[in-house]
Amino acid sequence: MFPNKKIQSLIGQKIQVEMKGDKNMLEGTLVSADDYLNLYLTSTAEIIDGERKRVLGSVVLRGNNIIMINPVN
């Protein structure tokens, strides 16, 4: 399955995203994604060392800064 098709299937679900740089995880509900895998998340929280540190709310993540995307059960 192509990455953008897989990401489109996750819309409306809670996901975790690992970003380049600080190696922290973000967790939120995926609202939309485009062909460049830019993501729009709501109810987003920053997770550091396995615990929620701060609530960010709505965020837009640039696709070329994303390392990994995991669905949350």
N, C-alpha and C. Protein backbone atom coordinates (compact mmCIF):
# COMPACT_ATOMS: atom_id res chain seq x y z
N MET A 1 0.86 -1.18 0.00
CA MET A 1 0.00 0.00 0.00
C MET A 1 0.90 1.24 0.00
N PHE A 2 0.53 2.24 -0.79
CA PHE A 2 1.29 3.49 -0.84
C PHE A 2 1.15 4.23 0.48
N PRO A 3 2.20 4.93 0.91
CA PRO A 3 2.14 5.61 2.22
C PRO A 3 0.97 6.59 2.34
N ASN A 4 0.69 7.37 1.29
CA ASN A 4 -0.40 8.34 1.42
C ASN A 4 -1.76 7.65 1.51
N LYS A 5 -1.95 6.51 0.89
CA LYS A 5 -3.20 5.75 1.01
C LYS A 5 -3.35 5.20 2.43
N LYS A 6 -2.26 4.70 3.00
CA LYS A 6 -2.30 4.18 4.36
C LYS A 6 -2.62 5.30 5.35
N ILE A 7 -2.00 6.45 5.18
CA ILE A 7 -2.27 7.59 6.07
C ILE A 7 -3.70 8.06 5.93
N GLN A 8 -4.22 8.09 4.70
CA GLN A 8 -5.62 8.49 4.49
C GLN A 8 -6.57 7.55 5.23
N SER A 9 -6.20 6.28 5.35
CA SER A 9 -7.07 5.32 6.05
C SER A 9 -7.06 5.55 7.57
N LEU A 10 -6.10 6.33 8.08
CA LEU A 10 -6.01 6.61 9.51
C LEU A 10 -6.74 7.88 9.93
N ILE A 11 -7.34 8.60 8.98
CA ILE A 11 -8.05 9.84 9.31
C ILE A 11 -9.17 9.54 10.29
N GLY A 12 -9.23 10.36 11.34
CA GLY A 12 -10.23 10.18 12.38
C GLY A 12 -9.75 9.33 13.53
N GLN A 13 -8.56 8.75 13.41
CA GLN A 13 -8.01 7.89 14.46
C GLN A 13 -6.89 8.61 15.20
N LYS A 14 -6.58 8.13 16.39
CA LYS A 14 -5.49 8.66 17.19
C LYS A 14 -4.19 8.03 16.70
N ILE A 15 -3.17 8.87 16.48
CA ILE A 15 -1.87 8.40 16.01
C ILE A 15 -0.76 9.00 16.86
N GLN A 16 0.41 8.36 16.83
CA GLN A 16 1.64 8.90 17.41
C GLN A 16 2.59 9.19 16.27
N VAL A 17 3.27 10.34 16.36
CA VAL A 17 4.19 10.75 15.31
C VAL A 17 5.54 11.07 15.94
N GLU A 18 6.60 10.45 15.40
CA GLU A 18 7.96 10.77 15.84
C GLU A 18 8.54 11.76 14.85
N MET A 19 9.05 12.87 15.37
CA MET A 19 9.58 13.94 14.53
C MET A 19 11.10 13.92 14.53
N LYS A 20 11.71 14.48 13.47
CA LYS A 20 13.16 14.65 13.42
C LYS A 20 13.59 15.64 14.51
N GLY A 21 14.83 15.53 14.90
CA GLY A 21 15.37 16.52 15.83
C GLY A 21 15.35 16.06 17.27
N ASP A 22 14.35 16.50 18.02
CA ASP A 22 14.35 16.27 19.46
C ASP A 22 13.94 14.86 19.86
N LYS A 23 13.51 14.02 18.94
CA LYS A 23 13.15 12.61 19.18
C LYS A 23 11.98 12.44 20.15
N ASN A 24 11.15 13.45 20.29
CA ASN A 24 9.95 13.33 21.11
C ASN A 24 8.79 12.88 20.24
N MET A 25 7.78 12.34 20.88
CA MET A 25 6.60 11.87 20.17
C MET A 25 5.46 12.86 20.37
N LEU A 26 4.62 12.97 19.35
CA LEU A 26 3.38 13.72 19.45
C LEU A 26 2.24 12.74 19.25
N GLU A 27 1.18 12.91 20.02
CA GLU A 27 0.02 12.03 19.90
C GLU A 27 -1.22 12.89 19.74
N GLY A 28 -2.02 12.58 18.72
CA GLY A 28 -3.24 13.35 18.48
C GLY A 28 -4.13 12.64 17.48
N THR A 29 -5.27 13.26 17.22
CA THR A 29 -6.24 12.71 16.27
C THR A 29 -5.96 13.28 14.89
N LEU A 30 -5.76 12.40 13.91
CA LEU A 30 -5.47 12.81 12.54
C LEU A 30 -6.73 13.34 11.88
N VAL A 31 -6.69 14.60 11.43
CA VAL A 31 -7.83 15.22 10.77
C VAL A 31 -7.66 15.16 9.25
N SER A 32 -6.45 15.46 8.77
CA SER A 32 -6.23 15.41 7.33
C SER A 32 -4.74 15.22 7.03
N ALA A 33 -4.48 14.79 5.80
CA ALA A 33 -3.12 14.61 5.30
C ALA A 33 -3.13 14.88 3.80
N ASP A 34 -2.01 15.40 3.29
CA ASP A 34 -1.94 15.67 1.86
C ASP A 34 -0.93 14.74 1.19
N ASP A 35 -0.66 14.97 -0.10
CA ASP A 35 0.23 14.10 -0.86
C ASP A 35 1.68 14.15 -0.37
N TYR A 36 2.06 15.22 0.34
CA TYR A 36 3.42 15.36 0.87
C TYR A 36 3.52 14.81 2.30
N LEU A 37 2.43 14.19 2.78
CA LEU A 37 2.32 13.66 4.13
C LEU A 37 2.41 14.74 5.21
N ASN A 38 2.03 15.98 4.84
CA ASN A 38 1.82 17.00 5.86
C ASN A 38 0.57 16.58 6.61
N LEU A 39 0.62 16.65 7.94
CA LEU A 39 -0.48 16.16 8.77
C LEU A 39 -1.10 17.28 9.58
N TYR A 40 -2.42 17.23 9.74
CA TYR A 40 -3.14 18.13 10.63
C TYR A 40 -3.72 17.29 11.75
N LEU A 41 -3.28 17.57 13.00
CA LEU A 41 -3.73 16.82 14.16
C LEU A 41 -4.47 17.74 15.13
N THR A 42 -5.48 17.20 15.80
CA THR A 42 -6.16 17.92 16.87
C THR A 42 -5.97 17.14 18.17
N SER A 43 -6.26 17.80 19.28
CA SER A 43 -6.11 17.19 20.61
C SER A 43 -4.72 16.59 20.77
N THR A 44 -3.71 17.34 20.35
CA THR A 44 -2.34 16.85 20.31
C THR A 44 -1.63 17.09 21.64
N ALA A 45 -0.86 16.09 22.06
CA ALA A 45 -0.05 16.19 23.27
C ALA A 45 1.38 15.76 22.95
N GLU A 46 2.34 16.37 23.64
CA GLU A 46 3.74 16.00 23.50
C GLU A 46 4.06 14.92 24.52
N ILE A 47 4.72 13.86 24.08
CA ILE A 47 5.09 12.75 24.95
C ILE A 47 6.61 12.68 25.04
N ILE A 48 7.11 12.81 26.29
CA ILE A 48 8.55 12.74 26.52
C ILE A 48 8.79 11.63 27.53
N ASP A 49 9.65 10.69 27.16
CA ASP A 49 9.98 9.54 28.02
C ASP A 49 8.73 8.79 28.48
N GLY A 50 7.76 8.64 27.58
CA GLY A 50 6.57 7.85 27.86
C GLY A 50 5.46 8.54 28.62
N GLU A 51 5.63 9.81 29.02
CA GLU A 51 4.56 10.50 29.73
C GLU A 51 4.23 11.82 29.04
N ARG A 52 2.95 12.19 29.13
CA ARG A 52 2.49 13.44 28.51
C ARG A 52 3.05 14.63 29.27
N LYS A 53 3.74 15.50 28.54
CA LYS A 53 4.33 16.67 29.18
C LYS A 53 3.49 17.93 29.01
N ARG A 54 2.97 18.15 27.79
CA ARG A 54 2.14 19.34 27.58
C ARG A 54 1.14 19.09 26.46
N VAL A 55 0.04 19.81 26.54
CA VAL A 55 -1.02 19.71 25.53
C VAL A 55 -0.81 20.83 24.53
N LEU A 56 -0.79 20.49 23.24
CA LEU A 56 -0.53 21.46 22.19
C LEU A 56 -1.79 21.88 21.45
N GLY A 57 -2.84 21.06 21.49
CA GLY A 57 -4.07 21.38 20.77
C GLY A 57 -3.96 21.00 19.30
N SER A 58 -4.29 21.93 18.41
CA SER A 58 -4.22 21.68 16.96
C SER A 58 -2.83 22.01 16.43
N VAL A 59 -2.27 21.09 15.64
CA VAL A 59 -0.95 21.31 15.06
C VAL A 59 -0.93 20.85 13.61
N VAL A 60 -0.04 21.46 12.83
CA VAL A 60 0.24 21.03 11.47
C VAL A 60 1.69 20.58 11.44
N LEU A 61 1.92 19.35 10.99
CA LEU A 61 3.26 18.77 10.93
C LEU A 61 3.70 18.67 9.48
N ARG A 62 4.88 19.16 9.21
CA ARG A 62 5.41 19.11 7.86
C ARG A 62 5.93 17.70 7.57
N GLY A 63 5.53 17.16 6.44
CA GLY A 63 5.82 15.77 6.09
C GLY A 63 7.29 15.41 6.06
N ASN A 64 8.16 16.32 5.62
CA ASN A 64 9.57 15.96 5.52
C ASN A 64 10.28 15.97 6.88
N ASN A 65 9.58 16.34 7.96
CA ASN A 65 10.15 16.29 9.31
C ASN A 65 9.65 15.09 10.11
N ILE A 66 8.85 14.23 9.48
CA ILE A 66 8.28 13.09 10.17
C ILE A 66 9.16 11.86 9.94
N ILE A 67 9.47 11.16 11.03
CA ILE A 67 10.25 9.92 10.94
C ILE A 67 9.33 8.72 10.90
N MET A 68 8.33 8.68 11.81
CA MET A 68 7.52 7.50 11.94
C MET A 68 6.11 7.88 12.39
N ILE A 69 5.11 7.14 11.90
CA ILE A 69 3.70 7.33 12.27
C ILE A 69 3.15 5.99 12.74
N ASN A 70 2.56 5.96 13.93
CA ASN A 70 1.98 4.74 14.49
C ASN A 70 0.52 4.98 14.88
N PRO A 71 -0.38 4.10 14.49
CA PRO A 71 -1.74 4.20 15.02
C PRO A 71 -1.76 3.80 16.49
N VAL A 72 -2.61 4.44 17.29
CA VAL A 72 -2.74 4.12 18.71
C VAL A 72 -4.03 3.34 18.89
N ASN A 73 -3.95 2.24 19.61
CA ASN A 73 -5.12 1.40 19.83
C ASN A 73 -5.95 1.90 20.97
